[in-house]
Structures are given as structure tokens and as C-alpha cells.
Amino acid sequence: MASALADLQIVDFSRVLAGPLATMVLADLGAEVTKVERPGSGDETRTWGPPYDDTGMATYFQSINRNKASVVLDLHAAADIQRARRLVAGADVVVENFRPGVMDRIGLGFEELATANPSLVYCSITGFGSGAGAALPGYDLLVQAVGGLMSITGAEDGEPQKVGVALVDVVCGLFASVGILAALRHREQTGEGQRVELDLLSCLLAALVNQGSAYTAAGEVATRMGNGHRSVAPYDLFQAADGELVIAVGTDEPRARRRSGLLNEHRARRQS
């Protein structure tokens, strides 16, 4: 059975999590992804351990880089930059997450590449966009703090808490894959490539969903509630005699069905 993206060629200059996750999603759908890594160390997550697998490779790297081929290029060397240009000449998609301006300075920016390849889809991922804050490092923990996610995560009487995985990177990577697919659809209809730009902070703000709209539409500032829910109850972790119990009831309908089921069961027993 043919894969959905089997004819797609992607060159991935991104590192760590958001960009690699986006290209992995597309690779899982059949795209051919070539990952460009620096000499010596490669992607930083190759050394982010423990844990390591039996071969000594960090499982962090494995979690976001399956189904990819890797090439080593030194983007400080003119010869390797030329190799990179040849690599992207026939590509459908380029993904990068350097600071704004880095790819332009080495001749691999969108404008220059799109001149040679007008159908190219070019995805740029940054921490805080290309305006104010463009030079700031875009680490997931920093964005969770700046974007407010930590302020609504953790015990009610505890300190702000980060989520247990790099959730901002994951959300941004998924948004990036959607944006790339939308740009490819546009290209299919018009023949024109596009630039897709995302930043971690904007992706987090979009992912705050009901907490964000509570502030923007109702002026309510969310607070930490542990495992509770500000709009739904019961929706929490409860201590039982033999351990912890989670109860999540989003509407009255499940309770009504349960009561109806118990009533019918009681009637059946009486009739028997």
C-alpha cells in the first residue's frame, strides 16, 4: 500500500525537538527525510541521556528521529554549504530552527532558495519569532514559564510546575507538520511554494485553549488547581482505600445513563 507522502523529499536542518518531531511525523507518513547534522556531535539529543539503549544511543534522540537518513555537513564551511545547496535543490520541503537570519547569512534562506526552486515549502521554527525577543534561546522550559503554562500547572498551594515532557516543543512540531501539509496543498493547487513560520511561544498560547479564552473573553486569570478542573466536576484524582482513583465526568449524561441502568437492573431483579 502506497504511503501518503511517498513522493516527498524533505531536508531537515532542525535540531532537538520541535523541528525533528515535525519531520518525523511526515516521515511516518512516507516522506523521505534527510537530516543534516553537525560534524562530531550531531544533533544535541544524541547525548541527552540517560537512558541509553543497548548500543549506547540516547533514547531521547530515537524518540523523534525515526525513519530518517542523516548526512554530516559543516555549515561554517563553504564546501559543505554548497553541498547543502545541492541537497535542497531538488527538495520539496526544507525545515530549520536556527535563530532568525542564520540561514540567510549562509545562503540557505527562503528567499534565495525559493528563487532557484519556486515550488519549495520552507518551514522556520524559532523560540519567540523574528521580532522582539528573536535572539532569546527557545528552550521549552523558558517558554512554559513565559507563556503561562507553568502558572496553571501544579498543586494549588505549590510552586509553578513544568509539564513532564517538553510539551511546547511537541505542540509546535505538530503545528509545523500541519502548516507544511497546508503549504503543500497550496502548492498542489497553484504550483507555488510558501514559507511556514512558527515560534514556540505562539504555539503555546494557541494550545492554552480554554484557559486562554477565559482570559481574553472573560478577563479571568487561571490558577493552579492540581488535578482539578475549573469548569467540570467531578474531574480529579481521589484517594481511595486501595490507591488513587481518577474520576472524569464531562456531562450529566453518563450519570443519567448509570442511574437508568441501575433502575432497569433493579426492576429486572424484582420481576424475576
Protein backbone atom coordinates (compact mmCIF):
# COMPACT_ATOMS: atom_id res chain seq x y z
CA MET A 1 0.00 0.00 0.00
CA ALA A 2 1.50 3.32 -1.07
CA SER A 3 2.32 5.83 1.66
CA ALA A 4 0.53 9.17 1.53
CA LEU A 5 3.74 11.22 1.21
CA ALA A 6 5.92 8.69 -0.60
CA ASP A 7 6.96 11.19 -3.31
CA LEU A 8 8.01 13.92 -0.87
CA GLN A 9 11.65 14.91 -0.34
CA ILE A 10 12.44 16.78 2.90
CA VAL A 11 15.76 18.25 4.03
CA ASP A 12 15.78 18.80 7.77
CA PHE A 13 18.28 21.24 9.27
CA SER A 14 16.48 21.33 12.63
CA ARG A 15 17.74 20.04 15.95
CA VAL A 16 16.48 18.91 19.35
CA LEU A 17 12.69 18.50 19.36
CA ALA A 18 10.08 20.67 17.59
CA GLY A 19 11.54 20.52 14.08
CA PRO A 20 12.66 16.88 14.29
CA LEU A 21 9.22 15.86 15.58
CA ALA A 22 7.54 17.62 12.64
CA THR A 23 9.75 15.87 10.09
CA MET A 24 9.32 12.54 11.88
CA VAL A 25 5.54 12.84 11.57
CA LEU A 26 5.95 13.44 7.84
CA ALA A 27 8.46 10.58 7.59
CA ASP A 28 5.96 8.29 9.28
CA LEU A 29 3.54 9.24 6.50
CA GLY A 30 6.06 8.16 3.89
CA ALA A 31 8.19 11.22 3.16
CA GLU A 32 11.91 10.75 2.56
CA VAL A 33 13.68 12.86 5.19
CA THR A 34 17.39 13.71 5.11
CA LYS A 35 18.58 15.06 8.43
CA VAL A 36 21.57 17.41 8.31
CA GLU A 37 23.82 17.16 11.39
CA ARG A 38 26.94 18.96 12.51
CA PRO A 39 30.32 17.20 12.45
CA GLY A 40 31.47 15.46 15.61
CA SER A 41 28.45 15.78 17.87
CA GLY A 42 25.46 15.72 15.55
CA ASP A 43 22.05 16.62 16.98
CA GLU A 44 22.35 17.58 20.66
CA THR A 45 19.84 14.94 21.70
CA ARG A 46 22.22 12.18 20.65
CA THR A 47 23.93 12.80 24.01
CA TRP A 48 20.86 13.61 26.10
CA GLY A 49 20.90 10.66 28.44
CA PRO A 50 20.48 8.56 30.40
CA PRO A 51 18.69 6.47 29.42
CA TYR A 52 20.60 4.88 26.55
CA ASP A 53 19.76 1.81 24.51
CA ASP A 54 21.97 -1.28 24.19
CA THR A 55 24.08 0.43 21.52
CA GLY A 56 24.76 3.48 23.70
CA MET A 57 22.43 5.83 21.82
CA ALA A 58 20.24 8.20 23.81
CA THR A 59 16.60 7.15 23.69
CA TYR A 60 15.68 10.85 23.56
CA PHE A 61 17.20 11.11 20.07
CA GLN A 62 15.46 7.94 18.95
CA SER A 63 12.06 9.22 20.04
CA ILE A 64 11.97 11.96 17.38
CA ASN A 65 14.26 10.81 14.57
CA ARG A 66 12.99 7.51 13.25
CA ASN A 67 12.59 6.90 9.51
CA LYS A 68 15.29 9.43 8.58
CA ALA A 69 18.64 9.34 6.84
CA SER A 70 21.45 11.53 8.20
CA VAL A 71 24.23 13.44 6.47
CA VAL A 72 27.05 15.36 8.15
CA LEU A 73 27.62 18.92 6.91
CA ASP A 74 29.62 21.73 8.44
CA LEU A 75 27.56 24.84 7.72
CA HIS A 76 30.57 27.01 8.59
CA ALA A 77 32.49 25.58 5.64
CA ALA A 78 31.91 26.91 2.11
CA ALA A 79 32.24 23.47 0.51
CA ASP A 80 29.61 21.93 2.78
CA ILE A 81 27.27 24.87 2.27
CA GLN A 82 27.48 24.16 -1.46
CA ARG A 83 26.70 20.52 -0.76
CA ALA A 84 23.69 21.64 1.27
CA ARG A 85 22.50 23.83 -1.61
CA ARG A 86 22.72 20.86 -3.98
CA LEU A 87 20.83 18.76 -1.46
CA VAL A 88 17.93 21.20 -1.23
CA ALA A 89 17.86 21.96 -4.97
CA GLY A 90 15.54 19.04 -5.59
CA ALA A 91 13.74 19.09 -2.26
CA ASP A 92 10.04 19.70 -1.74
CA VAL A 93 10.41 20.88 1.87
CA VAL A 94 13.15 22.45 3.98
CA VAL A 95 12.82 22.66 7.77
CA GLU A 96 15.14 24.71 10.00
CA ASN A 97 15.12 26.06 13.55
CA PHE A 98 18.14 28.34 13.71
CA ARG A 99 17.91 31.86 15.09
CA PRO A 100 16.36 34.34 12.64
CA GLY A 101 18.87 35.37 9.99
CA VAL A 102 21.31 32.48 10.36
CA MET A 103 20.17 30.61 7.24
CA ASP A 104 20.07 33.85 5.24
CA ARG A 105 23.69 34.63 6.15
CA ILE A 106 24.95 31.30 4.82
CA GLY A 107 22.92 31.44 1.61
CA LEU A 108 20.27 28.92 2.65
CA GLY A 109 17.45 31.33 3.47
CA PHE A 110 13.99 31.12 1.97
CA GLU A 111 14.30 33.99 -0.49
CA GLU A 112 17.48 32.66 -2.07
CA LEU A 113 16.36 29.04 -2.22
CA ALA A 114 12.89 29.94 -3.50
CA THR A 115 14.44 31.92 -6.36
CA ALA A 116 16.07 28.73 -7.59
CA ASN A 117 13.16 26.48 -6.57
CA PRO A 118 9.86 28.46 -6.61
CA SER A 119 7.83 25.43 -5.51
CA LEU A 120 9.82 24.98 -2.30
CA VAL A 121 7.98 24.82 1.03
CA TYR A 122 10.27 26.30 3.68
CA CYS A 123 9.44 25.90 7.38
CA SER A 124 11.19 28.04 10.00
CA ILE A 125 10.77 27.39 13.74
CA THR A 126 12.06 29.84 16.34
CA GLY A 127 11.62 30.40 20.04
CA PHE A 128 9.97 33.81 20.01
CA GLY A 129 9.56 34.81 16.37
CA SER A 130 11.53 37.27 14.27
CA GLY A 131 10.58 40.47 16.14
CA ALA A 132 11.24 41.42 19.77
CA GLY A 133 12.90 38.53 21.56
CA ALA A 134 14.22 36.94 18.39
CA ALA A 135 17.68 36.47 19.91
CA LEU A 136 16.41 34.71 23.04
CA PRO A 137 17.09 30.97 23.39
CA GLY A 138 13.94 28.97 22.76
CA TYR A 139 14.14 26.27 25.40
CA ASP A 140 10.87 24.55 26.23
CA LEU A 141 11.10 25.29 29.96
CA LEU A 142 11.60 29.02 29.33
CA VAL A 143 8.57 29.15 27.04
CA GLN A 144 6.43 27.21 29.53
CA ALA A 145 7.35 29.90 32.07
CA VAL A 146 6.95 32.96 29.83
CA GLY A 147 3.79 31.65 28.16
CA GLY A 148 1.99 30.94 31.43
CA LEU A 149 1.76 27.16 31.25
CA MET A 150 3.74 26.73 34.48
CA SER A 151 1.44 29.15 36.30
CA ILE A 152 -1.54 26.83 35.76
CA THR A 153 0.34 23.56 36.36
CA GLY A 154 0.98 22.04 39.78
CA ALA A 155 -0.66 21.84 43.18
CA GLU A 156 -2.91 24.70 44.22
CA ASP A 157 -0.64 25.60 47.13
CA GLY A 158 2.61 24.65 45.38
CA GLU A 159 5.11 26.38 43.13
CA PRO A 160 4.70 26.72 39.36
CA GLN A 161 5.46 23.41 37.69
CA LYS A 162 6.64 22.41 34.23
CA VAL A 163 4.83 19.65 32.37
CA GLY A 164 6.51 16.23 32.50
CA VAL A 165 7.52 16.31 28.82
CA ALA A 166 8.65 19.17 26.56
CA LEU A 167 5.03 19.80 25.63
CA VAL A 168 5.61 23.17 23.94
CA ASP A 169 8.09 21.58 21.53
CA VAL A 170 5.66 18.75 20.83
CA VAL A 171 2.75 21.11 20.15
CA CYS A 172 4.92 23.31 17.94
CA GLY A 173 6.15 20.29 16.00
CA LEU A 174 2.59 19.16 15.35
CA PHE A 175 1.54 22.66 14.28
CA ALA A 176 4.58 22.72 11.97
CA SER A 177 3.59 19.46 10.30
CA VAL A 178 0.06 20.81 9.74
CA GLY A 179 1.45 24.05 8.31
CA ILE A 180 3.76 22.16 5.96
CA LEU A 181 0.91 19.97 4.72
CA ALA A 182 -1.26 23.07 4.16
CA ALA A 183 1.55 24.71 2.16
CA LEU A 184 1.95 21.56 0.09
CA ARG A 185 -1.78 21.62 -0.64
CA HIS A 186 -1.42 25.25 -1.76
CA ARG A 187 1.48 24.23 -4.00
CA GLU A 188 -0.58 21.43 -5.46
CA GLN A 189 -3.24 23.94 -6.47
CA THR A 190 -1.01 26.83 -7.60
CA GLY A 191 2.48 25.44 -8.19
CA GLU A 192 3.85 28.00 -5.71
CA GLY A 193 5.86 27.23 -2.63
CA GLN A 194 5.40 29.06 0.66
CA ARG A 195 7.24 29.92 3.83
CA VAL A 196 5.76 28.48 7.02
CA GLU A 197 6.84 30.34 10.17
CA LEU A 198 6.20 29.19 13.72
CA ASP A 199 7.53 30.09 17.12
CA LEU A 200 7.29 28.19 20.39
CA LEU A 201 5.61 30.99 22.33
CA SER A 202 2.79 31.49 19.82
CA CYS A 203 2.22 27.75 19.63
CA LEU A 204 1.93 27.54 23.41
CA LEU A 205 -0.51 30.45 23.55
CA ALA A 206 -2.63 28.71 20.91
CA ALA A 207 -2.51 25.50 22.96
CA LEU A 208 -3.83 27.16 26.13
CA VAL A 209 -7.32 26.79 24.56
CA ASN A 210 -9.98 27.26 27.28
CA GLN A 211 -7.51 28.83 29.71
CA GLY A 212 -6.55 31.39 27.10
CA SER A 213 -10.12 32.22 26.09
CA ALA A 214 -11.13 32.53 29.75
CA TYR A 215 -8.71 35.45 29.99
CA THR A 216 -9.21 37.07 26.60
CA ALA A 217 -13.02 36.75 26.56
CA ALA A 218 -13.93 36.86 30.25
CA GLY A 219 -10.94 38.50 31.94
CA GLU A 220 -10.37 35.54 34.26
CA VAL A 221 -6.80 34.65 35.16
CA ALA A 222 -6.33 30.91 35.57
CA THR A 223 -4.57 29.50 38.62
CA ARG A 224 -3.10 26.17 39.62
CA MET A 225 -5.72 23.59 40.59
CA GLY A 226 -3.70 20.39 40.83
CA ASN A 227 -5.66 17.70 39.01
CA GLY A 228 -8.93 19.60 39.30
CA HIS A 229 -10.82 21.36 36.52
CA ARG A 230 -12.17 24.89 36.68
CA SER A 231 -15.25 24.11 34.57
CA VAL A 232 -16.05 20.42 35.11
CA ALA A 233 -16.73 18.31 38.23
CA PRO A 234 -16.08 15.61 39.26
CA TYR A 235 -12.82 15.73 37.33
CA ASP A 236 -9.97 14.97 39.70
CA LEU A 237 -7.74 12.47 41.45
CA PHE A 238 -9.25 10.97 44.60
CA GLN A 239 -7.62 8.92 47.31
CA ALA A 240 -9.30 5.54 47.81
CA ALA A 241 -8.62 2.84 50.39
CA ASP A 242 -6.56 0.79 47.94
CA GLY A 243 -4.88 3.58 45.99
CA GLU A 244 -5.62 6.56 43.76
CA LEU A 245 -8.78 6.84 41.67
CA VAL A 246 -9.38 9.24 38.79
CA ILE A 247 -12.96 10.28 38.04
CA ALA A 248 -13.63 12.36 34.94
CA VAL A 249 -17.26 13.22 34.16
CA GLY A 250 -17.69 15.85 31.48
CA THR A 251 -21.50 15.97 31.33
CA ASP A 252 -24.53 14.83 33.29
CA GLU A 253 -25.31 12.23 30.60
CA PRO A 254 -23.01 9.44 31.91
CA ARG A 255 -24.55 9.80 35.37
CA ALA A 256 -28.05 9.71 33.90
CA ARG A 257 -27.25 6.57 31.92
CA ARG A 258 -25.78 4.95 35.03
CA ARG A 259 -28.87 5.77 37.11
CA SER A 260 -31.12 4.49 34.33
CA GLY A 261 -29.10 1.29 34.07
CA LEU A 262 -29.27 0.67 37.81
CA LEU A 263 -33.01 1.30 37.82
CA ASN A 264 -33.61 -1.12 34.96
CA GLU A 265 -31.42 -3.71 36.67
CA HIS A 266 -33.40 -3.31 39.89
CA ARG A 267 -36.72 -3.71 38.03
CA ALA A 268 -35.47 -6.84 36.27
CA ARG A 269 -34.47 -8.39 39.57
CA ARG A 270 -37.88 -7.65 41.10
CA GLN A 271 -39.68 -9.16 38.11
CA SER A 272 -37.59 -12.33 38.33
